C-alpha atoms as a PDB file:
ATOM      1  CA  UNK A   1      47.723  80.511 -86.959  1.00  0.00           C
ATOM      2  CA  UNK A   2      45.432  81.286 -84.073  1.00  0.00           C
ATOM      3  CA  UNK A   3      42.347  79.612 -85.719  1.00  0.00           C
ATOM      4  CA  UNK A   4      43.732  76.049 -86.109  1.00  0.00           C
ATOM      5  CA  UNK A   5      44.984  75.940 -82.495  1.00  0.00           C
ATOM      6  CA  UNK A   6      41.501  76.613 -81.103  1.00  0.00           C
ATOM      7  CA  UNK A   7      39.935  73.796 -83.177  1.00  0.00           C
ATOM      8  CA  UNK A   8      42.494  71.307 -81.922  1.00  0.00           C
ATOM      9  CA  UNK A   9      41.832  72.175 -78.313  1.00  0.00           C
ATOM     10  CA  UNK A  10      38.080  71.666 -78.804  1.00  0.00           C
ATOM     11  CA  UNK A  11      38.584  68.149 -80.317  1.00  0.00           C
ATOM     12  CA  UNK A  12      40.626  66.788 -77.383  1.00  0.00           C
ATOM     13  CA  UNK A  13      37.821  66.617 -74.824  1.00  0.00           C
ATOM     14  CA  UNK A  14      35.721  64.660 -77.326  1.00  0.00           C
ATOM     15  CA  UNK A  15      38.358  61.908 -77.523  1.00  0.00           C
ATOM     16  CA  UNK A  16      38.611  61.664 -73.754  1.00  0.00           C
ATOM     17  CA  UNK A  17      34.886  61.143 -73.416  1.00  0.00           C
ATOM     18  CA  UNK A  18      34.975  58.348 -75.943  1.00  0.00           C
ATOM     19  CA  UNK A  19      37.763  56.636 -74.057  1.00  0.00           C
ATOM     20  CA  UNK A  20      35.924  56.961 -70.741  1.00  0.00           C
ATOM     21  CA  UNK A  21      32.780  55.508 -72.282  1.00  0.00           C
ATOM     22  CA  UNK A  22      34.687  52.556 -73.641  1.00  0.00           C
ATOM     23  CA  UNK A  23      36.159  51.888 -70.199  1.00  0.00           C
ATOM     24  CA  UNK A  24      32.708  52.019 -68.579  1.00  0.00           C
ATOM     25  CA  UNK A  25      31.328  49.611 -71.159  1.00  0.00           C
ATOM     26  CA  UNK A  26      34.213  47.200 -70.579  1.00  0.00           C
ATOM     27  CA  UNK A  27      33.708  47.293 -66.792  1.00  0.00           C
ATOM     28  CA  UNK A  28      29.987  46.699 -67.183  1.00  0.00           C
ATOM     29  CA  UNK A  29      30.716  43.788 -69.480  1.00  0.00           C
ATOM     30  CA  UNK A  30      33.090  42.226 -67.004  1.00  0.00           C
ATOM     31  CA  UNK A  31      30.548  42.553 -64.202  1.00  0.00           C
ATOM     32  CA  UNK A  32      27.748  41.160 -66.363  1.00  0.00           C
ATOM     33  CA  UNK A  33      29.929  38.253 -67.402  1.00  0.00           C
ATOM     34  CA  UNK A  34      30.769  37.498 -63.832  1.00  0.00           C
ATOM     35  CA  UNK A  35      27.126  37.267 -62.833  1.00  0.00           C
ATOM     36  CA  UNK A  36      26.102  35.374 -65.955  1.00  0.00           C
ATOM     37  CA  UNK A  37      28.826  32.756 -65.958  1.00  0.00           C
ATOM     38  CA  UNK A  38      29.712  32.280 -62.264  1.00  0.00           C
ATOM     39  CA  UNK A  39      28.345  28.772 -61.090  1.00  0.00           C
ATOM     40  CA  UNK A  40      27.997  29.843 -57.461  1.00  0.00           C
ATOM     41  CA  UNK A  41      25.739  32.710 -58.335  1.00  0.00           C
ATOM     42  CA  UNK A  42      23.517  30.592 -60.567  1.00  0.00           C
ATOM     43  CA  UNK A  43      22.407  28.554 -57.653  1.00  0.00           C
ATOM     44  CA  UNK A  44      21.461  31.714 -55.789  1.00  0.00           C
ATOM     45  CA  UNK A  45      19.310  33.002 -58.603  1.00  0.00           C
ATOM     46  CA  UNK A  46      17.802  29.825 -60.086  1.00  0.00           C
ATOM     47  CA  UNK A  47      15.621  27.632 -57.838  1.00  0.00           C
ATOM     48  CA  UNK A  48      16.006  24.032 -58.947  1.00  0.00           C
ATOM     49  CA  UNK A  49      13.417  21.335 -58.261  1.00  0.00           C
ATOM     50  CA  UNK A  50      14.821  18.383 -56.257  1.00  0.00           C
ATOM     51  CA  UNK A  51      15.304  15.117 -58.040  1.00  0.00           C
ATOM     52  CA  UNK A  52      13.226  12.799 -55.830  1.00  0.00           C
ATOM     53  CA  UNK A  53      14.623   9.709 -57.491  1.00  0.00           C
ATOM     54  CA  UNK A  54      18.000  10.422 -55.926  1.00  0.00           C
ATOM     55  CA  UNK A  55      16.726  10.906 -52.350  1.00  0.00           C
ATOM     56  CA  UNK A  56      17.740   8.036 -50.055  1.00  0.00           C
ATOM     57  CA  UNK A  57      14.835   7.106 -47.722  1.00  0.00           C
ATOM     58  CA  UNK A  58      15.529   6.991 -43.964  1.00  0.00           C
ATOM     59  CA  UNK A  59      14.912   3.507 -42.576  1.00  0.00           C
ATOM     60  CA  UNK A  60      13.379   2.924 -39.112  1.00  0.00           C
ATOM     61  CA  UNK A  61      16.591   1.352 -37.911  1.00  0.00           C
ATOM     62  CA  UNK A  62      18.374   4.677 -38.176  1.00  0.00           C
ATOM     63  CA  UNK A  63      15.707   6.574 -36.269  1.00  0.00           C
ATOM     64  CA  UNK A  64      16.786   7.551 -32.753  1.00  0.00           C
ATOM     65  CA  UNK A  65      14.256   6.210 -30.202  1.00  0.00           C
ATOM     66  CA  UNK A  66      12.354   8.734 -28.122  1.00  0.00           C
ATOM     67  CA  UNK A  67      13.271   8.544 -24.466  1.00  0.00           C
ATOM     68  CA  UNK A  68      10.423   7.461 -22.152  1.00  0.00           C
ATOM     69  CA  UNK A  69       9.377   9.775 -19.368  1.00  0.00           C
ATOM     70  CA  UNK A  70      10.487   8.714 -15.911  1.00  0.00           C
ATOM     71  CA  UNK A  71       7.770   6.950 -13.962  1.00  0.00           C
ATOM     72  CA  UNK A  72       5.688   5.740 -16.936  1.00  0.00           C
ATOM     73  CA  UNK A  73       5.568   1.977 -17.008  1.00  0.00           C
ATOM     74  CA  UNK A  74       4.930  -0.094 -20.106  1.00  0.00           C
ATOM     75  CA  UNK A  75       1.896  -2.376 -19.614  1.00  0.00           C
ATOM     76  CA  UNK A  76       2.873  -6.028 -19.622  1.00  0.00           C
ATOM     77  CA  UNK A  77       0.733  -9.116 -19.812  1.00  0.00           C
ATOM     78  CA  UNK A  78       1.120 -11.205 -16.647  1.00  0.00           C
ATOM     79  CA  UNK A  79      -0.280 -14.719 -16.167  1.00  0.00           C
ATOM     80  CA  UNK A  80      -2.572 -15.384 -13.175  1.00  0.00           C
ATOM     81  CA  UNK A  81      -0.811 -16.398  -9.938  1.00  0.00           C
ATOM     82  CA  UNK A  82       0.145 -20.063 -10.025  1.00  0.00           C
ATOM     83  CA  UNK A  83      -1.414 -22.500  -7.573  1.00  0.00           C
ATOM     84  CA  UNK A  84       2.045 -23.868  -6.786  1.00  0.00           C
ATOM     85  CA  UNK A  85       4.191 -21.792  -4.468  1.00  0.00           C
ATOM     86  CA  UNK A  86       6.679 -19.545  -6.177  1.00  0.00           C
ATOM     87  CA  UNK A  87      10.399 -19.740  -5.576  1.00  0.00           C
ATOM     88  CA  UNK A  88      12.048 -17.345  -3.149  1.00  0.00           C
ATOM     89  CA  UNK A  89      12.858 -14.009  -4.793  1.00  0.00           C
ATOM     90  CA  UNK A  90      10.650 -14.484  -7.906  1.00  0.00           C
ATOM     91  CA  UNK A  91      10.709 -11.780 -10.602  1.00  0.00           C
ATOM     92  CA  UNK A  92       8.528  -8.827  -9.720  1.00  0.00           C
ATOM     93  CA  UNK A  93       5.329  -8.768 -11.730  1.00  0.00           C
ATOM     94  CA  UNK A  94       2.101  -6.853 -11.512  1.00  0.00           C
ATOM     95  CA  UNK A  95      -1.038  -8.645 -10.432  1.00  0.00           C
ATOM     96  CA  UNK A  96      -3.494  -9.246 -13.303  1.00  0.00           C
ATOM     97  CA  UNK A  97      -6.364  -6.776 -13.358  1.00  0.00           C
ATOM     98  CA  UNK A  98      -8.961  -9.467 -12.679  1.00  0.00           C
ATOM     99  CA  UNK A  99      -7.071 -10.644  -9.604  1.00  0.00           C
ATOM    100  CA  UNK A 100      -6.461  -7.288  -7.916  1.00  0.00           C
ATOM    101  CA  UNK A 101      -8.109  -6.458  -4.597  1.00  0.00           C
ATOM    102  CA  UNK A 102     -11.199  -4.460  -5.331  1.00  0.00           C
ATOM    103  CA  UNK A 103     -12.970  -6.925  -7.654  1.00  0.00           C
ATOM    104  CA  UNK A 104     -16.737  -6.833  -7.214  1.00  0.00           C
ATOM    105  CA  UNK A 105     -18.020  -9.459  -4.776  1.00  0.00           C
ATOM    106  CA  UNK A 106     -21.383 -10.452  -3.487  1.00  0.00           C
ATOM    107  CA  UNK A 107     -22.703  -9.403  -0.094  1.00  0.00           C
ATOM    108  CA  UNK A 108     -22.697 -13.080   0.972  1.00  0.00           C
ATOM    109  CA  UNK A 109     -18.916 -13.448   0.550  1.00  0.00           C
ATOM    110  CA  UNK A 110     -17.561 -13.923   4.088  1.00  0.00           C
ATOM    111  CA  UNK A 111     -13.837 -14.376   4.653  1.00  0.00           C
ATOM    112  CA  UNK A 112     -12.101 -15.299   7.917  1.00  0.00           C
ATOM    113  CA  UNK A 113      -8.340 -14.730   8.139  1.00  0.00           C
ATOM    114  CA  UNK A 114      -6.485 -16.549  10.918  1.00  0.00           C
ATOM    115  CA  UNK A 115      -3.043 -15.245  11.845  1.00  0.00           C
ATOM    116  CA  UNK A 116      -1.052 -18.254  13.074  1.00  0.00           C
ATOM    117  CA  UNK A 117       2.119 -18.233  15.217  1.00  0.00           C
ATOM    118  CA  UNK A 118       1.136 -15.187  17.263  1.00  0.00           C
ATOM    119  CA  UNK A 119       2.862 -14.628  20.626  1.00  0.00           C
ATOM    120  CA  UNK A 120       6.406 -13.657  19.668  1.00  0.00           C
ATOM    121  CA  UNK A 121       6.001  -9.917  19.177  1.00  0.00           C
ATOM    122  CA  UNK A 122       3.747  -7.148  20.418  1.00  0.00           C
ATOM    123  CA  UNK A 123       4.606  -4.991  17.385  1.00  0.00           C
ATOM    124  CA  UNK A 124       3.139  -7.676  15.118  1.00  0.00           C
ATOM    125  CA  UNK A 125      -0.068  -7.643  17.135  1.00  0.00           C
ATOM    126  CA  UNK A 126      -0.296  -3.834  16.989  1.00  0.00           C
ATOM    127  CA  UNK A 127       0.331  -3.710  13.240  1.00  0.00           C
ATOM    128  CA  UNK A 128      -2.370  -6.288  12.544  1.00  0.00           C
ATOM    129  CA  UNK A 129      -4.858  -4.582  14.859  1.00  0.00           C
ATOM    130  CA  UNK A 130      -4.243  -1.301  13.010  1.00  0.00           C
ATOM    131  CA  UNK A 131      -5.675  -2.788   9.790  1.00  0.00           C
ATOM    132  CA  UNK A 132      -9.124  -2.288  11.346  1.00  0.00           C
ATOM    133  CA  UNK A 133     -10.814  -5.378   9.898  1.00  0.00           C
ATOM    134  CA  UNK A 134     -11.861  -8.461  11.909  1.00  0.00           C
ATOM    135  CA  UNK A 135      -8.996 -10.965  12.182  1.00  0.00           C
ATOM    136  CA  UNK A 136      -8.408 -13.981  14.430  1.00  0.00           C
ATOM    137  CA  UNK A 137      -5.123 -14.338  16.336  1.00  0.00           C
ATOM    138  CA  UNK A 138      -4.010 -17.933  16.881  1.00  0.00           C
ATOM    139  CA  UNK A 139      -1.402 -17.941  19.679  1.00  0.00           C
ATOM    140  CA  UNK A 140       1.219 -20.634  20.250  1.00  0.00           C
ATOM    141  CA  UNK A 141       1.448 -21.404  23.992  1.00  0.00           C
ATOM    142  CA  UNK A 142       4.873 -20.759  25.456  1.00  0.00           C
ATOM    143  CA  UNK A 143       6.058 -18.050  23.069  1.00  0.00           C
ATOM    144  CA  UNK A 144       7.838 -15.006  24.468  1.00  0.00           C
ATOM    145  CA  UNK A 145       4.825 -12.646  24.833  1.00  0.00           C
ATOM    146  CA  UNK A 146       1.938 -15.078  24.399  1.00  0.00           C
ATOM    147  CA  UNK A 147      -0.044 -13.812  27.398  1.00  0.00           C
ATOM    148  CA  UNK A 148       0.551 -10.157  26.506  1.00  0.00           C
ATOM    149  CA  UNK A 149      -0.698 -10.700  22.942  1.00  0.00           C
ATOM    150  CA  UNK A 150      -3.781 -12.488  24.267  1.00  0.00           C
ATOM    151  CA  UNK A 151      -4.521  -9.636  26.687  1.00  0.00           C
ATOM    152  CA  UNK A 152      -3.937  -7.010  23.984  1.00  0.00           C
ATOM    153  CA  UNK A 153      -6.303  -8.805  21.610  1.00  0.00           C
ATOM    154  CA  UNK A 154      -8.950  -9.236  24.293  1.00  0.00           C
ATOM    155  CA  UNK A 155      -8.883  -5.536  25.145  1.00  0.00           C
ATOM    156  CA  UNK A 156      -9.563  -4.719  21.471  1.00  0.00           C
ATOM    157  CA  UNK A 157     -12.175  -7.425  20.912  1.00  0.00           C
ATOM    158  CA  UNK A 158      -9.907  -9.354  18.533  1.00  0.00           C
ATOM    159  CA  UNK A 159     -10.828 -13.018  18.551  1.00  0.00           C
ATOM    160  CA  UNK A 160      -8.141 -15.431  19.793  1.00  0.00           C
ATOM    161  CA  UNK A 161      -7.512 -19.139  19.321  1.00  0.00           C
ATOM    162  CA  UNK A 162      -4.897 -21.558  20.687  1.00  0.00           C
ATOM    163  CA  UNK A 163      -2.425 -22.716  18.049  1.00  0.00           C
ATOM    164  CA  UNK A 164      -1.501 -26.148  19.441  1.00  0.00           C
ATOM    165  CA  UNK A 165       1.798 -27.635  18.227  1.00  0.00           C
ATOM    166  CA  UNK A 166       1.395 -31.213  16.988  1.00  0.00           C
ATOM    167  CA  UNK A 167       3.847 -33.802  15.692  1.00  0.00           C
ATOM    168  CA  UNK A 168       4.735 -33.608  12.018  1.00  0.00           C
ATOM    169  CA  UNK A 169       5.933 -36.375   9.717  1.00  0.00           C
ATOM    170  CA  UNK A 170       9.395 -34.798   9.861  1.00  0.00           C
ATOM    171  CA  UNK A 171       9.726 -35.034  13.645  1.00  0.00           C
ATOM    172  CA  UNK A 172      12.224 -35.306  15.346  1.00  0.00           C
ATOM    173  CA  UNK A 173      14.395 -34.050  12.482  1.00  0.00           C
ATOM    174  CA  UNK A 174      11.921 -31.226  12.055  1.00  0.00           C
ATOM    175  CA  UNK A 175      11.723 -29.022  15.128  1.00  0.00           C
ATOM    176  CA  UNK A 176       8.632 -29.081  17.344  1.00  0.00           C
ATOM    177  CA  UNK A 177       7.947 -26.894  20.380  1.00  0.00           C
ATOM    178  CA  UNK A 178       8.731 -28.627  23.664  1.00  0.00           C
ATOM    179  CA  UNK A 179       5.048 -28.504  24.650  1.00  0.00           C
ATOM    180  CA  UNK A 180       3.835 -30.083  21.398  1.00  0.00           C
ATOM    181  CA  UNK A 181       1.505 -33.080  21.236  1.00  0.00           C
ATOM    182  CA  UNK A 182       3.192 -36.350  20.244  1.00  0.00           C
ATOM    183  CA  UNK A 183       1.638 -39.504  18.846  1.00  0.00           C
ATOM    184  CA  UNK A 184       3.443 -41.454  21.590  1.00  0.00           C
ATOM    185  CA  UNK A 185       1.520 -39.650  24.377  1.00  0.00           C
ATOM    186  CA  UNK A 186      -1.235 -41.527  26.152  1.00  0.00           C
ATOM    187  CA  UNK A 187      -4.688 -40.126  26.935  1.00  0.00           C
ATOM    188  CA  UNK A 188      -3.673 -38.802  30.366  1.00  0.00           C
ATOM    189  CA  UNK A 189      -0.679 -36.904  28.953  1.00  0.00           C
ATOM    190  CA  UNK A 190      -2.823 -35.369  26.228  1.00  0.00           C
ATOM    191  CA  UNK A 191      -5.536 -34.470  28.729  1.00  0.00           C
ATOM    192  CA  UNK A 192      -3.052 -32.721  31.006  1.00  0.00           C
ATOM    193  CA  UNK A 193      -1.308 -30.807  28.214  1.00  0.00           C
ATOM    194  CA  UNK A 194      -4.377 -29.623  26.321  1.00  0.00           C
ATOM    195  CA  UNK A 195      -6.226 -28.670  29.509  1.00  0.00           C
ATOM    196  CA  UNK A 196      -3.185 -26.653  30.546  1.00  0.00           C
ATOM    197  CA  UNK A 197      -3.351 -24.689  27.268  1.00  0.00           C
ATOM    198  CA  UNK A 198      -7.022 -23.935  27.843  1.00  0.00           C
ATOM    199  CA  UNK A 199      -6.332 -22.642  31.347  1.00  0.00           C
ATOM    200  CA  UNK A 200      -3.510 -20.392  30.082  1.00  0.00           C
ATOM    201  CA  UNK A 201      -5.793 -18.698  27.542  1.00  0.00           C
ATOM    202  CA  UNK A 202      -9.272 -18.414  29.061  1.00  0.00           C
ATOM    203  CA  UNK A 203     -10.334 -15.925  26.381  1.00  0.00           C
ATOM    204  CA  UNK A 204      -9.646 -18.323  23.491  1.00  0.00           C
ATOM    205  CA  UNK A 205     -12.721 -19.579  21.637  1.00  0.00           C
ATOM    206  CA  UNK A 206     -11.185 -22.421  19.637  1.00  0.00           C
ATOM    207  CA  UNK A 207      -8.006 -24.172  18.500  1.00  0.00           C
ATOM    208  CA  UNK A 208      -6.230 -25.115  15.311  1.00  0.00           C
ATOM    209  CA  UNK A 209      -3.165 -27.283  14.797  1.00  0.00           C
ATOM    210  CA  UNK A 210       0.369 -25.937  14.395  1.00  0.00           C
ATOM    211  CA  UNK A 211       2.154 -28.397  12.070  1.00  0.00           C
ATOM    212  CA  UNK A 212       0.648 -31.831  12.901  1.00  0.00           C
ATOM    213  CA  UNK A 213       0.845 -33.625   9.564  1.00  0.00           C
ATOM    214  CA  UNK A 214       1.465 -36.874  11.487  1.00  0.00           C
ATOM    215  CA  UNK A 215      -0.727 -36.283  14.546  1.00  0.00           C
ATOM    216  CA  UNK A 216      -3.831 -35.172  12.617  1.00  0.00           C
ATOM    217  CA  UNK A 217      -3.813 -38.451  10.664  1.00  0.00           C
ATOM    218  CA  UNK A 218      -4.207 -40.433  13.885  1.00  0.00           C
ATOM    219  CA  UNK A 219      -7.912 -40.924  14.540  1.00  0.00           C
ATOM    220  CA  UNK A 220      -7.522 -42.164  18.125  1.00  0.00           C
ATOM    221  CA  UNK A 221      -5.273 -39.255  19.156  1.00  0.00           C
ATOM    222  CA  UNK A 222      -7.464 -36.648  17.499  1.00  0.00           C
ATOM    223  CA  UNK A 223     -10.524 -38.107  19.200  1.00  0.00           C
ATOM    224  CA  UNK A 224      -8.876 -37.734  22.614  1.00  0.00           C
ATOM    225  CA  UNK A 225      -7.886 -34.109  21.937  1.00  0.00           C
ATOM    226  CA  UNK A 226     -11.236 -33.072  20.474  1.00  0.00           C
ATOM    227  CA  UNK A 227     -13.164 -34.570  23.390  1.00  0.00           C
ATOM    228  CA  UNK A 228     -11.221 -32.218  25.684  1.00  0.00           C
ATOM    229  CA  UNK A 229     -12.238 -29.286  23.442  1.00  0.00           C
ATOM    230  CA  UNK A 230     -15.871 -30.364  23.648  1.00  0.00           C
ATOM    231  CA  UNK A 231     -15.765 -30.272  27.462  1.00  0.00           C
ATOM    232  CA  UNK A 232     -14.460 -26.707  27.279  1.00  0.00           C
ATOM    233  CA  UNK A 233     -16.895 -25.583  24.576  1.00  0.00           C
ATOM    234  CA  UNK A 234     -14.116 -24.820  22.078  1.00  0.00           C
ATOM    235  CA  UNK A 235     -14.331 -25.243  18.316  1.00  0.00           C
ATOM    236  CA  UNK A 236     -11.700 -26.837  16.062  1.00  0.00           C
ATOM    237  CA  UNK A 237     -10.364 -25.624  12.715  1.00  0.00           C
ATOM    238  CA  UNK A 238      -8.228 -28.101  10.822  1.00  0.00           C
ATOM    239  CA  UNK A 239      -5.195 -26.335   9.319  1.00  0.00           C
ATOM    240  CA  UNK A 240      -4.968 -29.231   6.821  1.00  0.00           C
ATOM    241  CA  UNK A 241      -1.214 -29.663   6.968  1.00  0.00           C
ATOM    242  CA  UNK A 242      -1.811 -33.172   5.621  1.00  0.00           C
ATOM    243  CA  UNK A 243      -4.337 -34.157   2.932  1.00  0.00           C
ATOM    244  CA  UNK A 244      -4.950 -37.306   4.995  1.00  0.00           C
ATOM    245  CA  UNK A 245      -6.022 -35.379   8.108  1.00  0.00           C
ATOM    246  CA  UNK A 246      -9.007 -36.865   9.931  1.00  0.00           C
ATOM    247  CA  UNK A 247      -9.537 -33.754  12.077  1.00  0.00           C
ATOM    248  CA  UNK A 248     -12.744 -32.444  10.536  1.00  0.00           C
ATOM    249  CA  UNK A 249     -14.393 -35.871  10.317  1.00  0.00           C
ATOM    250  CA  UNK A 250     -13.550 -36.706  13.935  1.00  0.00           C
ATOM    251  CA  UNK A 251     -14.741 -33.287  15.139  1.00  0.00           C
ATOM    252  CA  UNK A 252     -18.098 -33.819  13.441  1.00  0.00           C
ATOM    253  CA  UNK A 253     -18.394 -37.261  14.998  1.00  0.00           C
ATOM    254  CA  UNK A 254     -17.440 -35.982  18.463  1.00  0.00           C
ATOM    255  CA  UNK A 255     -20.018 -33.240  18.071  1.00  0.00           C
ATOM    256  CA  UNK A 256     -18.064 -29.969  18.263  1.00  0.00           C
ATOM    257  CA  UNK A 257     -18.251 -26.981  15.952  1.00  0.00           C
ATOM    258  CA  UNK A 258     -15.579 -27.272  13.292  1.00  0.00           C
ATOM    259  CA  UNK A 259     -14.309 -26.193   9.883  1.00  0.00           C
ATOM    260  CA  UNK A 260     -11.204 -26.524   7.736  1.00  0.00           C
ATOM    261  CA  UNK A 261      -8.748 -24.133   6.183  1.00  0.00           C
ATOM    262  CA  UNK A 262      -9.267 -23.321   2.499  1.00  0.00           C
ATOM    263  CA  UNK A 263      -6.165 -21.294   1.554  1.00  0.00           C
ATOM    264  CA  UNK A 264      -2.689 -20.654   2.936  1.00  0.00           C
ATOM    265  CA  UNK A 265      -1.822 -17.069   2.012  1.00  0.00           C
ATOM    266  CA  UNK A 266       1.918 -16.831   2.559  1.00  0.00           C
ATOM    267  CA  UNK A 267       3.817 -20.027   1.886  1.00  0.00           C
ATOM    268  CA  UNK A 268       5.984 -17.612  -0.082  1.00  0.00           C
ATOM    269  CA  UNK A 269       6.672 -14.282   1.611  1.00  0.00           C
ATOM    270  CA  UNK A 270       6.308 -12.116  -1.491  1.00  0.00           C
ATOM    271  CA  UNK A 271       3.599  -9.537  -2.150  1.00  0.00           C
ATOM    272  CA  UNK A 272       2.534 -10.801  -5.572  1.00  0.00           C
ATOM    273  CA  UNK A 273       2.169 -14.357  -4.311  1.00  0.00           C
ATOM    274  CA  UNK A 274       0.236 -13.286  -1.212  1.00  0.00           C
ATOM    275  CA  UNK A 275      -2.148 -11.173  -3.309  1.00  0.00           C
ATOM    276  CA  UNK A 276      -2.747 -14.111  -5.636  1.00  0.00           C
ATOM    277  CA  UNK A 277      -3.588 -16.389  -2.712  1.00  0.00           C
ATOM    278  CA  UNK A 278      -5.772 -13.728  -1.112  1.00  0.00           C
ATOM    279  CA  UNK A 279      -7.780 -13.360  -4.284  1.00  0.00           C
ATOM    280  CA  UNK A 280      -8.125 -17.121  -4.514  1.00  0.00           C
ATOM    281  CA  UNK A 281      -9.708 -16.980  -1.050  1.00  0.00           C
ATOM    282  CA  UNK A 282     -12.012 -14.181  -2.220  1.00  0.00           C
ATOM    283  CA  UNK A 283     -13.104 -16.232  -5.238  1.00  0.00           C
ATOM    284  CA  UNK A 284     -13.886 -19.202  -2.981  1.00  0.00           C
ATOM    285  CA  UNK A 285     -15.855 -16.955  -0.640  1.00  0.00           C
ATOM    286  CA  UNK A 286     -17.858 -15.650  -3.608  1.00  0.00           C
ATOM    287  CA  UNK A 287     -18.499 -19.140  -4.912  1.00  0.00           C
ATOM    288  CA  UNK A 288     -19.334 -20.864  -1.622  1.00  0.00           C
ATOM    289  CA  UNK A 289     -20.487 -17.944   0.506  1.00  0.00           C
ATOM    290  CA  UNK A 290     -17.547 -18.256   2.932  1.00  0.00           C
ATOM    291  CA  UNK A 291     -13.869 -19.208   3.115  1.00  0.00           C
ATOM    292  CA  UNK A 292     -11.106 -19.519   5.719  1.00  0.00           C
ATOM    293  CA  UNK A 293      -7.543 -18.373   5.031  1.00  0.00           C
ATOM    294  CA  UNK A 294      -4.477 -18.832   7.219  1.00  0.00           C
ATOM    295  CA  UNK A 295      -1.311 -16.740   7.226  1.00  0.00           C
ATOM    296  CA  UNK A 296       1.516 -15.702   9.538  1.00  0.00           C
ATOM    297  CA  UNK A 297       2.789 -12.418  10.979  1.00  0.00           C
ATOM    298  CA  UNK A 298       5.642 -12.006   8.488  1.00  0.00           C
ATOM    299  CA  UNK A 299       6.495  -8.398   7.520  1.00  0.00           C
ATOM    300  CA  UNK A 300       5.527  -9.007   3.868  1.00  0.00           C
ATOM    301  CA  UNK A 301       2.211 -10.540   4.925  1.00  0.00           C
ATOM    302  CA  UNK A 302       1.318  -7.722   7.319  1.00  0.00           C
ATOM    303  CA  UNK A 303       2.168  -5.051   4.721  1.00  0.00           C
ATOM    304  CA  UNK A 304       0.132  -6.797   2.016  1.00  0.00           C
ATOM    305  CA  UNK A 305      -2.897  -7.303   4.263  1.00  0.00           C
ATOM    306  CA  UNK A 306      -2.745  -3.681   5.439  1.00  0.00           C
ATOM    307  CA  UNK A 307      -2.906  -2.475   1.827  1.00  0.00           C
ATOM    308  CA  UNK A 308      -5.431  -4.978   0.453  1.00  0.00           C
ATOM    309  CA  UNK A 309      -7.996  -5.776   3.167  1.00  0.00           C
ATOM    310  CA  UNK A 310      -9.569  -2.309   3.603  1.00  0.00           C
ATOM    311  CA  UNK A 311      -9.986  -2.034  -0.168  1.00  0.00           C
ATOM    312  CA  UNK A 312     -11.583  -5.473  -0.384  1.00  0.00           C
ATOM    313  CA  UNK A 313     -13.890  -4.616   2.512  1.00  0.00           C
ATOM    314  CA  UNK A 314     -14.956  -1.440   0.688  1.00  0.00           C
ATOM    315  CA  UNK A 315     -15.784  -3.559  -2.358  1.00  0.00           C
ATOM    316  CA  UNK A 316     -18.046  -5.947  -0.465  1.00  0.00           C
ATOM    317  CA  UNK A 317     -15.921  -8.677   1.122  1.00  0.00           C
ATOM    318  CA  UNK A 318     -17.216  -9.262   4.634  1.00  0.00           C
ATOM    319  CA  UNK A 319     -14.324 -10.083   6.968  1.00  0.00           C
ATOM    320  CA  UNK A 320     -15.484 -12.105   9.981  1.00  0.00           C
ATOM    321  CA  UNK A 321     -13.912 -13.846  12.988  1.00  0.00           C
ATOM    322  CA  UNK A 322     -13.242 -17.533  12.445  1.00  0.00           C
ATOM    323  CA  UNK A 323     -15.902 -18.461  15.008  1.00  0.00           C
ATOM    324  CA  UNK A 324     -18.606 -17.304  12.573  1.00  0.00           C
ATOM    325  CA  UNK A 325     -17.626 -19.915   9.982  1.00  0.00           C
ATOM    326  CA  UNK A 326     -17.579 -23.054  12.134  1.00  0.00           C
ATOM    327  CA  UNK A 327     -20.650 -25.269  12.362  1.00  0.00           C
END
């Protein structure tokens, strides 16, 4: 009986091992099946090539624009400054490259700039003197600080003229200084008034008309005034406030040194306009050898001249007193 019991006990471990092996095989099969048949794992193992035919192209309209850096301006094409005055508060534009101060000019290009309407402010006189180029101050008699401006200019060797008020076509609706010259005045009245101006400003070397679109068309009246200038050895520059002015022709007949204005710089008090007019004067000076420009002591004019004139002088424009361009 003892022999059979030992054989049975030796066979039992063998059956347990078989069962354990079967379990291991089943577990391995489950794991293998999971990896083989799970869709999420396939994509991790298999690298698929993209189907380019299904890719939707990105159009430019959907592209987000790149922000411009602050302070970088887009270049814009700007037409040359118009001959006709611009409206007040025109859109701000840059001056075309060919019209900017600094264009090359010949050594013979002489430009005289007359500052009309001086005599109201000493600060205007100081600001203009600080530009350090030759200018000519034309002072209206009777303004608040007319004598002080004349003395200031004389002490700094700035040339001065007398800016004589004359009747315009709009008078009396258009204001005229109380000491202005009227067409209705006779020769004695004109003699007394003009001689008085000359005595008030002994350092003045010439005169030009303030307004005067009516007076400067009157040959008899202009002859009487210009004869007084001849006696005092003063020259005359016609401001050309009327295209029918006889001033230059009468001055030549009377026999005094004379000239006429070529360009008004600041009919519009805006930097772009003033620069355009200034460069027109430079072009005329290049073409003809000399030009005369007239402007006024407006803040915009003073600021523009202060920025532009030294640069133009460095590039060859020769700024001269008005007396050098009369003949």
